[in-house]
Amino acid sequence: MVTKSNRREFLMLAQKYNPIKHNLAGGYISEKLDGTRCFWDGGISRGLSTEQVPWANVSDPKTGHRKNKIKPFSTGLWSRYGNPIIAPDWWLNQLPCIPLDGELWAGRGGFQLCRSICSRDIPSTSWEQIEFAVIGSPPFESIFANGIINNTSMKLNISLETMKRWLNTRSDSQLQDYRFLPYGTTFEDELLILQEALPSDGPVYLLKQKKLPQNNTQAVIEYELAKVIDSGGEGVVIRRHNSIWTPTRSHGVLKYKPFSDAEGTVVGFTSGRKTNKGSKLLGKIGALILDYKGQRLELAGLTDEEREFASNHEVIWATENAGIDMPTWADGKLFHVNQIVTFRYRELSNDGIPKEARFLRLREREES
């Protein structure tokens, strides 16, 4: 049975920042990167069969049976759902023998590019475009703490004793340069250790952290947020200076964005209509119809390419029947019924409907 007391995540996740509720004087603020969250285990699992690694996500979370598709070997680099990330050796060779928690990314606006490169089954030279921005280094007793991971992408019972026994099977030569931070290390101390452990150049680096003052803290947070947004970023992350890495959704790390993200399931499409700017949307998808917590939500914010229907059959019907719901047989080139999409919105209405909801991307889903 999964209870609040034994439930955990694979990595540490952030809570939402509330300016009224949270006092973060003396904490650290950094840009929230829009990339692929990852964990580098220091290299202790590198080269092993994926199924030899006790924290690997090899079971289908829906059925409990072995997945049909599993990436065959471990590189030591793992996704937030315990799946191997297949990076090339020349890239991995630049990582230190210390566990790292961070974000793989390809720069602002490069989310889809990053996902495309990091999700491949074989490494490629495209990894030249990928950086590893490090945000922490989890101690062994923290990353492998007892608990049950139970979400739609990963179900796994983690035992610290099992992990210790597994570590003892690794040879001395494999562990000679390997080290963990002491259990209970604070974030401020993590930063000091990581500054020495990480190379001064290359694809891996410590994400820039700014110390927040004891006074006028909120004004500095708002200033840093505005600076990131103006530069094309999506928000900031704030860490308490004395917070400890823990595999939960922690109040020691908080995310702050002007917009919130949510997910909904595609259940249909509306047909585009004439606007005061002409007939640009005629014959195209006007909006996605989502099921959002049992309520209908029409989602805008699509590009011209994303508005394309699957065939000319839909185009003709949409042109002749502008501004209404498409028939159930209609399909899009990119979007299909039952897909889960992520969207961004400013706030919720009194009825719980997201306001100013705009498409962000197809849901980040991992199959292996």
Protein backbone atom coordinates (compact mmCIF):
# COMPACT_ATOMS: atom_id res chain seq x y z
CA MET A 1 0.00 0.00 0.00
CA VAL A 2 1.29 3.45 -0.97
CA THR A 3 0.88 6.09 1.73
CA LYS A 4 2.12 9.64 2.07
CA SER A 5 4.80 8.43 4.46
CA ASN A 6 6.40 5.95 2.05
CA ARG A 7 5.72 7.62 -1.29
CA ARG A 8 8.70 9.18 -3.07
CA GLU A 9 9.84 10.31 -6.51
CA PHE A 10 12.93 9.26 -8.42
CA LEU A 11 14.33 12.82 -8.25
CA MET A 12 13.58 15.90 -6.17
CA LEU A 13 10.73 17.98 -7.61
CA ALA A 14 9.76 21.58 -6.92
CA GLN A 15 6.69 23.01 -5.28
CA LYS A 16 5.08 26.23 -6.56
CA TYR A 17 6.32 29.45 -5.04
CA ASN A 18 3.78 31.59 -3.20
CA PRO A 19 5.07 35.13 -2.48
CA ILE A 20 2.66 35.47 0.45
CA LYS A 21 3.38 32.09 2.02
CA HIS A 22 7.10 31.58 1.46
CA ASN A 23 9.98 33.51 3.01
CA LEU A 24 13.16 32.77 1.06
CA ALA A 25 15.58 35.31 2.50
CA GLY A 26 19.13 34.05 2.15
CA GLY A 27 18.19 31.43 -0.44
CA TYR A 28 19.45 31.00 -4.00
CA ILE A 29 17.70 31.83 -7.26
CA SER A 30 18.44 30.50 -10.75
CA GLU A 31 16.76 30.30 -14.14
CA LYS A 32 14.22 27.51 -14.63
CA LEU A 33 15.51 25.68 -17.70
CA ASP A 34 13.12 24.14 -20.21
CA GLY A 35 14.96 20.93 -21.02
CA THR A 36 15.16 17.28 -19.96
CA ARG A 37 15.65 16.55 -16.27
CA CYS A 38 18.33 13.94 -15.61
CA PHE A 39 20.42 12.15 -13.02
CA TRP A 40 24.06 11.14 -13.56
CA ASP A 41 24.91 8.30 -11.19
CA GLY A 42 28.62 9.08 -11.31
CA GLY A 43 29.19 6.29 -13.81
CA ILE A 44 28.64 3.30 -11.47
CA SER A 45 26.08 1.72 -13.81
CA ARG A 46 27.76 2.71 -17.08
CA GLY A 47 28.03 -0.18 -19.53
CA LEU A 48 25.76 -2.54 -17.61
CA SER A 49 22.66 -4.13 -19.03
CA THR A 50 19.73 -1.92 -18.07
CA GLU A 51 18.06 -4.83 -16.31
CA GLN A 52 21.13 -5.26 -14.08
CA VAL A 53 20.57 -1.83 -12.55
CA PRO A 54 18.18 -2.04 -9.57
CA TRP A 55 16.64 1.42 -10.03
CA ALA A 56 16.04 1.05 -13.78
CA ASN A 57 12.42 1.47 -14.88
CA VAL A 58 11.94 -1.86 -16.71
CA SER A 59 8.32 -2.64 -15.76
CA ASP A 60 5.21 -1.27 -17.45
CA PRO A 61 3.55 0.92 -14.77
CA LYS A 62 0.09 -0.12 -16.01
CA THR A 63 0.55 -3.89 -16.07
CA GLY A 64 3.54 -4.53 -13.82
CA HIS A 65 5.03 -6.76 -16.52
CA ARG A 66 8.34 -6.22 -18.30
CA LYS A 67 8.17 -3.41 -20.86
CA ASN A 68 8.05 -4.42 -24.50
CA LYS A 69 10.83 -1.96 -25.26
CA ILE A 70 13.78 -1.29 -22.96
CA LYS A 71 16.94 0.53 -23.90
CA PRO A 72 19.46 -2.32 -23.63
CA PHE A 73 22.30 -0.72 -21.70
CA SER A 74 22.97 1.95 -19.13
CA THR A 75 25.18 4.97 -19.76
CA GLY A 76 24.98 6.15 -16.13
CA LEU A 77 22.70 8.99 -17.29
CA TRP A 78 19.03 8.58 -16.32
CA SER A 79 15.78 10.40 -16.99
CA ARG A 80 13.49 11.58 -14.20
CA TYR A 81 11.54 8.33 -14.70
CA GLY A 82 14.50 5.96 -14.38
CA ASN A 83 15.11 5.33 -18.09
CA PRO A 84 18.62 5.33 -19.65
CA ILE A 85 19.58 8.39 -21.67
CA ILE A 86 21.88 7.28 -24.48
CA ALA A 87 24.66 9.83 -24.76
CA PRO A 88 27.90 9.19 -26.71
CA ASP A 89 31.08 8.13 -24.88
CA TRP A 90 32.99 11.33 -25.74
CA TRP A 91 30.23 13.32 -23.99
CA LEU A 92 29.97 11.01 -20.97
CA ASN A 93 33.74 10.97 -20.50
CA GLN A 94 33.61 14.62 -19.47
CA LEU A 95 31.37 13.94 -16.46
CA PRO A 96 32.94 13.57 -12.98
CA CYS A 97 32.72 10.46 -10.74
CA ILE A 98 30.12 12.08 -8.51
CA PRO A 99 26.30 11.90 -8.75
CA LEU A 100 24.75 14.93 -10.40
CA ASP A 101 21.17 16.17 -10.56
CA GLY A 102 20.39 18.64 -13.31
CA GLU A 103 18.90 19.54 -16.64
CA LEU A 104 19.97 18.61 -20.14
CA TRP A 105 19.11 21.47 -22.45
CA ALA A 106 19.80 23.03 -25.83
CA GLY A 107 19.29 26.69 -24.92
CA ARG A 108 16.16 28.79 -24.60
CA GLY A 109 13.46 27.66 -26.97
CA GLY A 110 15.30 24.39 -27.60
CA PHE A 111 13.01 22.03 -25.70
CA GLN A 112 11.85 19.99 -28.71
CA LEU A 113 15.41 19.75 -30.07
CA CYS A 114 16.68 18.59 -26.69
CA ARG A 115 13.93 15.98 -26.33
CA SER A 116 14.58 14.70 -29.84
CA ILE A 117 18.30 14.20 -29.20
CA CYS A 118 18.01 12.79 -25.66
CA SER A 119 15.25 10.30 -26.43
CA ARG A 120 17.08 8.46 -29.22
CA ASP A 121 18.06 4.81 -28.86
CA ILE A 122 21.55 5.43 -30.25
CA PRO A 123 23.94 8.33 -29.60
CA SER A 124 24.66 10.88 -32.29
CA THR A 125 26.91 13.85 -33.00
CA SER A 126 23.89 16.03 -32.23
CA TRP A 127 24.96 15.81 -28.58
CA GLU A 128 27.33 18.68 -29.39
CA GLN A 129 24.22 20.84 -28.91
CA ILE A 130 23.42 19.48 -25.44
CA GLU A 131 24.62 20.99 -22.17
CA PHE A 132 24.23 19.58 -18.66
CA ALA A 133 23.32 22.33 -16.20
CA VAL A 134 23.89 20.87 -12.73
CA ILE A 135 21.61 21.87 -9.87
CA GLY A 136 22.75 19.47 -7.13
CA SER A 137 24.44 16.27 -6.02
CA PRO A 138 22.23 13.80 -4.13
CA PRO A 139 23.86 11.71 -1.37
CA PHE A 140 23.55 7.92 -1.72
CA GLU A 141 21.17 7.68 1.26
CA SER A 142 18.94 10.32 -0.35
CA ILE A 143 18.71 9.25 -3.99
CA PHE A 144 18.17 5.62 -2.93
CA ALA A 145 16.08 6.25 0.19
CA ASN A 146 13.40 3.69 1.07
CA GLY A 147 10.08 4.38 -0.58
CA ILE A 148 7.65 3.62 -3.37
CA ILE A 149 7.62 5.52 -6.67
CA ASN A 150 4.06 5.41 -7.93
CA ASN A 151 3.12 7.60 -10.88
CA THR A 152 1.84 7.10 -14.41
CA SER A 153 5.37 6.70 -15.81
CA MET A 154 7.15 4.72 -13.10
CA LYS A 155 6.27 2.27 -10.37
CA LEU A 156 9.17 0.97 -8.29
CA ASN A 157 9.82 -0.02 -4.67
CA ILE A 158 13.28 1.25 -3.71
CA SER A 159 15.17 -0.31 -0.81
CA LEU A 160 18.30 1.39 0.51
CA GLU A 161 19.70 -1.93 1.75
CA THR A 162 19.22 -3.50 -1.69
CA MET A 163 21.07 -0.55 -3.26
CA LYS A 164 23.95 -0.90 -0.77
CA ARG A 165 24.27 -4.62 -1.54
CA TRP A 166 24.27 -3.86 -5.25
CA LEU A 167 26.97 -1.22 -4.81
CA ASN A 168 29.12 -3.80 -3.02
CA THR A 169 29.06 -5.97 -6.16
CA ARG A 170 30.95 -3.29 -8.07
CA SER A 171 34.71 -3.82 -8.12
CA ASP A 172 37.19 -1.58 -6.30
CA SER A 173 38.59 -0.39 -9.62
CA GLN A 174 35.11 0.75 -10.67
CA LEU A 175 34.67 2.71 -7.45
CA GLN A 176 38.18 4.06 -6.85
CA ASP A 177 37.38 7.60 -8.01
CA TYR A 178 33.72 7.48 -7.03
CA ARG A 179 32.30 9.56 -4.18
CA PHE A 180 29.01 10.69 -2.71
CA LEU A 181 28.33 13.78 -0.66
CA PRO A 182 27.66 13.10 3.05
CA TYR A 183 24.03 12.50 3.97
CA GLY A 184 22.38 15.71 5.16
CA THR A 185 24.59 18.06 3.12
CA THR A 186 22.81 21.42 2.75
CA PHE A 187 22.32 23.06 -0.63
CA GLU A 188 24.80 25.80 0.25
CA ASP A 189 27.48 23.19 0.98
CA GLU A 190 26.54 21.29 -2.20
CA LEU A 191 27.38 24.40 -4.21
CA LEU A 192 30.83 24.69 -2.64
CA ILE A 193 31.64 21.04 -3.36
CA LEU A 194 30.29 21.15 -6.91
CA GLN A 195 32.31 24.25 -7.74
CA GLU A 196 35.45 22.16 -7.20
CA ALA A 197 34.13 18.89 -8.70
CA LEU A 198 32.93 20.27 -12.05
CA PRO A 199 35.26 21.22 -14.92
CA SER A 200 35.66 24.86 -15.82
CA ASP A 201 34.53 24.26 -19.40
CA GLY A 202 32.78 21.60 -21.48
CA PRO A 203 29.17 20.44 -21.65
CA VAL A 204 28.69 20.09 -17.87
CA TYR A 205 28.66 23.07 -15.52
CA LEU A 206 27.12 24.30 -12.31
CA LEU A 207 23.99 26.33 -13.04
CA LYS A 208 24.51 29.94 -11.99
CA GLN A 209 22.95 30.64 -8.59
CA LYS A 210 22.39 34.09 -7.12
CA LYS A 211 22.29 34.55 -3.36
CA LEU A 212 19.14 36.34 -2.20
CA PRO A 213 19.45 39.14 0.39
CA GLN A 214 17.91 39.06 3.86
CA ASN A 215 15.94 42.24 3.13
CA ASN A 216 13.76 43.20 0.14
CA THR A 217 13.88 39.53 -0.91
CA GLN A 218 10.64 39.59 -2.88
CA ALA A 219 11.71 42.64 -4.90
CA VAL A 220 14.92 40.84 -5.93
CA ILE A 221 12.96 37.70 -6.87
CA GLU A 222 10.58 39.71 -9.04
CA TYR A 223 13.51 41.50 -10.68
CA GLU A 224 15.29 38.23 -11.47
CA LEU A 225 12.06 36.70 -12.81
CA ALA A 226 11.44 39.68 -15.10
CA LYS A 227 15.03 39.52 -16.36
CA VAL A 228 14.64 35.82 -17.28
CA ILE A 229 11.26 36.34 -18.96
CA ASP A 230 12.56 39.31 -20.96
CA SER A 231 15.43 37.10 -22.20
CA GLY A 232 13.06 34.41 -23.43
CA GLY A 233 13.17 32.13 -20.39
CA GLU A 234 10.15 30.65 -18.64
CA GLY A 235 10.73 31.31 -14.94
CA VAL A 236 13.00 30.89 -11.95
CA VAL A 237 13.76 28.28 -9.29
CA ILE A 238 14.49 29.23 -5.69
CA ARG A 239 16.32 26.95 -3.23
CA ARG A 240 16.47 27.42 0.52
CA HIS A 241 20.12 27.71 1.52
CA ASN A 242 19.75 25.05 4.23
CA SER A 243 17.53 22.67 2.25
CA ILE A 244 18.57 19.03 1.90
CA TRP A 245 18.21 16.95 -1.28
CA THR A 246 15.23 14.63 -0.88
CA PRO A 247 13.39 12.51 -3.50
CA THR A 248 10.00 14.17 -2.98
CA ARG A 249 8.14 17.23 -4.18
CA SER A 250 9.97 19.44 -1.73
CA HIS A 251 9.28 22.84 -0.17
CA GLY A 252 13.04 23.31 -0.14
CA VAL A 253 12.93 24.03 -3.87
CA LEU A 254 10.26 26.28 -5.38
CA LYS A 255 9.44 27.23 -8.97
CA TYR A 256 8.06 30.62 -9.94
CA LYS A 257 6.57 31.36 -13.35
CA PRO A 258 4.11 33.99 -14.61
CA PHE A 259 2.09 31.19 -16.23
CA SER A 260 1.09 27.76 -14.98
CA ASP A 261 1.23 24.50 -16.95
CA ALA A 262 -1.46 21.82 -17.06
CA GLU A 263 -2.45 18.84 -19.18
CA GLY A 264 -5.59 17.77 -21.00
CA THR A 265 -6.68 14.99 -23.34
CA VAL A 266 -7.58 15.73 -26.97
CA VAL A 267 -11.19 14.68 -27.61
CA GLY A 268 -11.85 16.57 -30.84
CA PHE A 269 -11.32 19.67 -32.98
CA THR A 270 -13.20 22.78 -34.03
CA SER A 271 -13.05 24.03 -37.60
CA GLY A 272 -11.44 27.39 -38.29
CA ARG A 273 -13.52 30.35 -39.36
CA LYS A 274 -13.13 33.66 -41.13
CA THR A 275 -11.72 36.45 -39.01
CA ASN A 276 -11.49 40.20 -39.49
CA LYS A 277 -8.08 39.49 -41.01
CA GLY A 278 -9.50 37.23 -43.71
CA SER A 279 -10.00 33.50 -44.11
CA LYS A 280 -6.63 32.29 -42.89
CA LEU A 281 -8.16 29.60 -40.66
CA LEU A 282 -10.72 28.27 -43.12
CA GLY A 283 -10.10 24.59 -43.78
CA LYS A 284 -7.82 24.33 -40.77
CA ILE A 285 -8.10 23.37 -37.11
CA GLY A 286 -9.62 26.27 -35.22
CA ALA A 287 -8.87 24.86 -31.76
CA LEU A 288 -8.20 21.60 -30.00
CA ILE A 289 -11.07 20.39 -27.84
CA LEU A 290 -9.66 19.04 -24.59
CA ASP A 291 -11.10 17.10 -21.71
CA TYR A 292 -9.67 19.00 -18.74
CA LYS A 293 -10.71 17.39 -15.46
CA GLY A 294 -14.06 16.44 -16.95
CA GLN A 295 -14.68 19.87 -18.47
CA ARG A 296 -14.48 21.04 -22.06
CA LEU A 297 -11.60 23.36 -22.89
CA GLU A 298 -10.94 24.82 -26.34
CA LEU A 299 -7.21 25.27 -26.71
CA ALA A 300 -5.74 27.99 -28.92
CA GLY A 301 -2.16 29.01 -29.64
CA LEU A 302 -1.45 26.67 -32.56
CA THR A 303 0.96 27.43 -35.39
CA ASP A 304 -0.11 27.18 -39.04
CA GLU A 305 1.63 23.81 -39.30
CA GLU A 306 -0.08 22.52 -36.17
CA ARG A 307 -3.49 23.50 -37.57
CA GLU A 308 -3.21 21.12 -40.53
CA PHE A 309 -5.75 18.30 -40.84
CA ALA A 310 -4.73 14.75 -41.68
CA SER A 311 -6.35 14.68 -45.13
CA ASN A 312 -8.20 16.72 -47.73
CA HIS A 313 -11.43 15.11 -46.57
CA GLU A 314 -11.28 17.05 -43.30
CA VAL A 315 -10.21 20.23 -45.11
CA ILE A 316 -13.30 20.19 -47.34
CA TRP A 317 -15.65 19.50 -44.43
CA ALA A 318 -14.06 22.24 -42.30
CA THR A 319 -14.26 24.78 -45.12
CA GLU A 320 -17.96 24.10 -45.65
CA ASN A 321 -18.74 24.03 -41.92
CA ALA A 322 -16.65 26.79 -40.41
CA GLY A 323 -16.57 27.53 -36.70
CA ILE A 324 -18.16 24.36 -35.31
CA ASP A 325 -17.07 21.01 -33.89
CA MET A 326 -15.58 18.60 -36.40
CA PRO A 327 -17.08 15.09 -36.83
CA THR A 328 -15.67 12.31 -34.66
CA TRP A 329 -13.80 10.82 -37.62
CA ALA A 330 -11.68 13.96 -38.10
CA ASP A 331 -7.96 13.76 -37.41
CA GLY A 332 -5.04 16.17 -37.49
CA LYS A 333 -1.57 15.73 -38.96
CA LEU A 334 0.06 16.31 -35.59
CA PHE A 335 -2.80 15.86 -33.13
CA HIS A 336 -4.93 12.79 -32.57
CA VAL A 337 -7.80 11.95 -30.26
CA ASN A 338 -6.66 10.62 -26.84
CA GLN A 339 -3.28 12.35 -27.03
CA ILE A 340 -2.27 14.24 -23.90
CA VAL A 341 -1.06 17.80 -24.45
CA THR A 342 0.53 20.33 -22.14
CA PHE A 343 -0.79 23.89 -22.19
CA ARG A 344 0.00 27.13 -20.43
CA TYR A 345 -2.52 29.44 -18.76
CA ARG A 346 -2.57 32.54 -16.59
CA GLU A 347 -5.16 31.67 -13.93
CA LEU A 348 -8.31 29.63 -13.27
CA SER A 349 -11.85 30.98 -13.57
CA ASN A 350 -14.35 30.60 -10.73
CA ASP A 351 -15.51 27.41 -12.47
CA GLY A 352 -11.98 26.03 -12.51
CA ILE A 353 -11.43 26.60 -16.25
CA PRO A 354 -7.93 27.83 -17.26
CA LYS A 355 -7.94 31.37 -18.66
CA GLU A 356 -5.85 32.35 -21.70
CA ALA A 357 -4.95 28.69 -22.28
CA ARG A 358 -2.51 28.17 -25.14
CA PHE A 359 -0.90 25.01 -26.49
CA LEU A 360 2.65 24.43 -25.29
CA ARG A 361 3.63 20.93 -26.48
CA LEU A 362 2.68 17.32 -26.68
CA ARG A 363 3.06 15.67 -23.32
CA GLU A 364 6.59 14.61 -22.47
CA ARG A 365 6.16 10.84 -22.35
CA GLU A 366 8.81 8.18 -22.02
CA GLU A 367 8.27 4.76 -23.49
CA SER A 368 11.56 3.18 -22.43
